[in-house]
């Protein structure tokens, strides 16, 4: 960014959870005094029932959502979980007076990046390439998201 003459941002907001850890981006931000803010700490709700997360939650008498939110907090990230239910809001906020033991943090950090399946289809319309990206968000086809963008 400095090479482009752009002002350094104060905060970089990225999707961040055990399945999308983005270590290169996080490292860059930390080295350049840029605060990391993670959205979707619950992996868009797709991993709240993950076996590993549920085992850690049961061991610590917490909810899986609390484990995922605490994972972000414990890494020093600002995290912004989303909920419209008051009881979940209170539970999600109850993550500051306890911690995940180191051995369980290591387990969470070791989770594989397996949340998305990306498929590219290329076709030419005139002189413009367009690319359709289908992001597989689960086994239910209603959960597919489609994005169209132009590559110049």
Protein backbone atom coordinates (compact mmCIF):
# COMPACT_ATOMS: atom_id res chain seq x y z
CA UNK A 1 0.00 0.00 0.00
CA UNK A 2 2.85 2.33 0.78
CA UNK A 3 4.34 1.57 -2.65
CA UNK A 4 1.07 2.75 -4.19
CA UNK A 5 1.12 5.93 -2.14
CA UNK A 6 -1.97 4.90 -0.21
CA UNK A 7 -2.52 5.76 3.43
CA UNK A 8 -2.12 2.87 5.83
CA UNK A 9 -5.48 1.68 7.17
CA UNK A 10 -6.10 1.54 10.90
CA UNK A 11 -8.17 -1.63 10.67
CA UNK A 12 -8.35 -4.54 8.24
CA UNK A 13 -11.68 -6.35 8.39
CA UNK A 14 -11.50 -9.91 7.05
CA UNK A 15 -13.40 -13.15 7.49
CA UNK A 16 -11.57 -14.86 10.32
CA UNK A 17 -12.21 -18.11 12.19
CA UNK A 18 -10.36 -21.43 12.62
CA UNK A 19 -11.15 -22.46 9.02
CA UNK A 20 -10.10 -19.10 7.55
CA UNK A 21 -7.08 -18.03 9.59
CA UNK A 22 -5.30 -16.05 6.85
CA UNK A 23 -1.89 -16.10 8.58
CA UNK A 24 -0.15 -14.04 5.88
CA UNK A 25 -2.69 -11.21 6.12
CA UNK A 26 -2.70 -11.30 9.93
CA UNK A 27 1.12 -11.28 10.03
CA UNK A 28 1.27 -8.32 7.63
CA UNK A 29 -1.27 -6.39 9.70
CA UNK A 30 0.58 -7.05 12.95
CA UNK A 31 3.92 -6.05 11.41
CA UNK A 32 2.41 -2.79 10.11
CA UNK A 33 0.41 -1.84 13.20
CA UNK A 34 -2.95 -2.50 11.51
CA UNK A 35 -5.70 -3.78 13.80
CA UNK A 36 -7.27 -7.06 12.66
CA UNK A 37 -11.06 -7.23 12.83
CA UNK A 38 -12.61 -10.58 12.04
CA UNK A 39 -16.14 -10.93 10.76
CA UNK A 40 -18.05 -14.23 10.70
CA UNK A 41 -16.27 -15.73 13.72
CA UNK A 42 -18.96 -18.45 13.65
CA UNK A 43 -18.02 -19.36 10.06
CA UNK A 44 -21.39 -18.07 8.87
CA UNK A 45 -23.02 -20.63 11.13
CA UNK A 46 -21.64 -23.50 9.06
CA UNK A 47 -19.26 -24.86 11.71
CA UNK A 48 -21.10 -24.29 14.99
CA UNK A 49 -21.83 -28.04 15.12
CA UNK A 50 -18.27 -29.06 14.24
CA UNK A 51 -17.30 -32.13 16.27
CA UNK A 52 -13.99 -30.69 17.48
CA UNK A 53 -15.52 -27.36 18.50
CA UNK A 54 -18.39 -29.13 20.29
CA UNK A 55 -15.95 -31.35 22.22
CA UNK A 56 -13.97 -28.34 23.42
CA UNK A 57 -17.20 -26.49 24.28
CA UNK A 58 -18.47 -29.43 26.33
CA UNK A 59 -15.12 -29.78 28.12
CA UNK A 60 -15.17 -26.07 29.08
CA UNK A 61 -18.94 -25.88 29.76
CA UNK A 62 -19.36 -23.26 27.03
CA UNK A 63 -21.33 -23.07 23.80
CA UNK A 64 -19.63 -23.79 20.47
CA UNK A 65 -20.29 -20.16 19.50
CA UNK A 66 -18.47 -18.98 22.63
CA UNK A 67 -15.49 -21.18 21.73
CA UNK A 68 -15.27 -19.70 18.23
CA UNK A 69 -15.66 -16.13 19.46
CA UNK A 70 -13.13 -16.68 22.24
CA UNK A 71 -10.68 -18.14 19.68
CA UNK A 72 -10.73 -14.74 17.95
CA UNK A 73 -10.48 -12.77 21.20
CA UNK A 74 -7.63 -14.93 22.43
CA UNK A 75 -5.72 -14.20 19.23
CA UNK A 76 -6.14 -10.49 19.91
CA UNK A 77 -8.59 -9.89 17.06
CA UNK A 78 -11.58 -7.62 17.27
CA UNK A 79 -14.48 -9.90 16.46
CA UNK A 80 -17.99 -9.08 15.32
CA UNK A 81 -20.38 -12.00 15.68
CA UNK A 82 -23.85 -11.51 14.26
CA UNK A 83 -27.10 -12.51 15.94
CA UNK A 84 -30.64 -11.21 16.19
CA UNK A 85 -31.54 -13.23 19.28
CA UNK A 86 -31.13 -11.59 22.69
CA UNK A 87 -30.17 -14.80 24.48
CA UNK A 88 -27.41 -15.48 21.96
CA UNK A 89 -26.23 -11.89 22.22
CA UNK A 90 -25.71 -12.29 25.96
CA UNK A 91 -23.98 -15.65 25.51
CA UNK A 92 -21.75 -14.31 22.72
CA UNK A 93 -20.63 -11.46 24.95
CA UNK A 94 -19.67 -13.83 27.78
CA UNK A 95 -16.20 -14.60 26.45
CA UNK A 96 -13.91 -12.26 28.37
CA UNK A 97 -13.62 -13.81 31.85
CA UNK A 98 -12.23 -17.19 30.81
CA UNK A 99 -9.78 -18.59 28.28
CA UNK A 100 -9.31 -21.63 26.09
CA UNK A 101 -6.40 -23.77 27.35
CA UNK A 102 -3.29 -23.79 25.15
CA UNK A 103 -3.74 -27.43 24.14
CA UNK A 104 -7.28 -26.73 22.90
CA UNK A 105 -6.14 -23.56 21.08
CA UNK A 106 -3.56 -25.70 19.27
CA UNK A 107 -6.33 -28.07 18.20
CA UNK A 108 -8.44 -25.17 16.90
CA UNK A 109 -5.48 -23.65 15.07
CA UNK A 110 -4.81 -27.01 13.40
CA UNK A 111 -8.29 -27.26 11.85
CA UNK A 112 -8.12 -27.59 8.10
CA UNK A 113 -9.27 -24.97 5.64
CA UNK A 114 -12.27 -26.86 4.25
CA UNK A 115 -15.15 -24.43 4.34
CA UNK A 116 -15.34 -23.45 0.71
CA UNK A 117 -15.30 -25.27 -2.57
CA UNK A 118 -14.65 -22.87 -5.43
CA UNK A 119 -15.33 -23.62 -9.09
CA UNK A 120 -14.46 -21.28 -11.95
CA UNK A 121 -16.17 -21.15 -15.34
CA UNK A 122 -14.70 -18.87 -18.01
CA UNK A 123 -16.46 -17.59 -21.10
CA UNK A 124 -15.98 -14.66 -23.47
CA UNK A 125 -18.60 -11.99 -24.08
CA UNK A 126 -17.24 -9.63 -26.71
CA UNK A 127 -13.87 -8.47 -25.44
CA UNK A 128 -14.62 -8.99 -21.74
CA UNK A 129 -13.87 -12.07 -19.69
CA UNK A 130 -16.44 -12.87 -17.07
CA UNK A 131 -15.98 -15.36 -14.35
CA UNK A 132 -18.65 -17.09 -12.32
CA UNK A 133 -17.68 -18.24 -8.89
CA UNK A 134 -19.85 -20.67 -7.04
CA UNK A 135 -18.99 -20.93 -3.39
CA UNK A 136 -20.23 -24.12 -1.87
CA UNK A 137 -21.49 -23.22 1.58
CA UNK A 138 -22.93 -26.62 2.46
CA UNK A 139 -24.75 -29.57 1.00
CA UNK A 140 -28.01 -27.66 0.59
CA UNK A 141 -28.12 -26.05 -2.87
CA UNK A 142 -30.10 -23.14 -1.42
CA UNK A 143 -26.91 -22.16 0.38
CA UNK A 144 -24.95 -21.58 -2.86
CA UNK A 145 -23.94 -18.01 -3.55
CA UNK A 146 -23.12 -16.79 -7.03
CA UNK A 147 -20.93 -13.84 -7.84
CA UNK A 148 -20.27 -12.34 -11.26
CA UNK A 149 -17.44 -9.94 -11.88
CA UNK A 150 -15.51 -8.64 -14.84
CA UNK A 151 -11.81 -9.17 -15.30
CA UNK A 152 -10.26 -6.32 -17.31
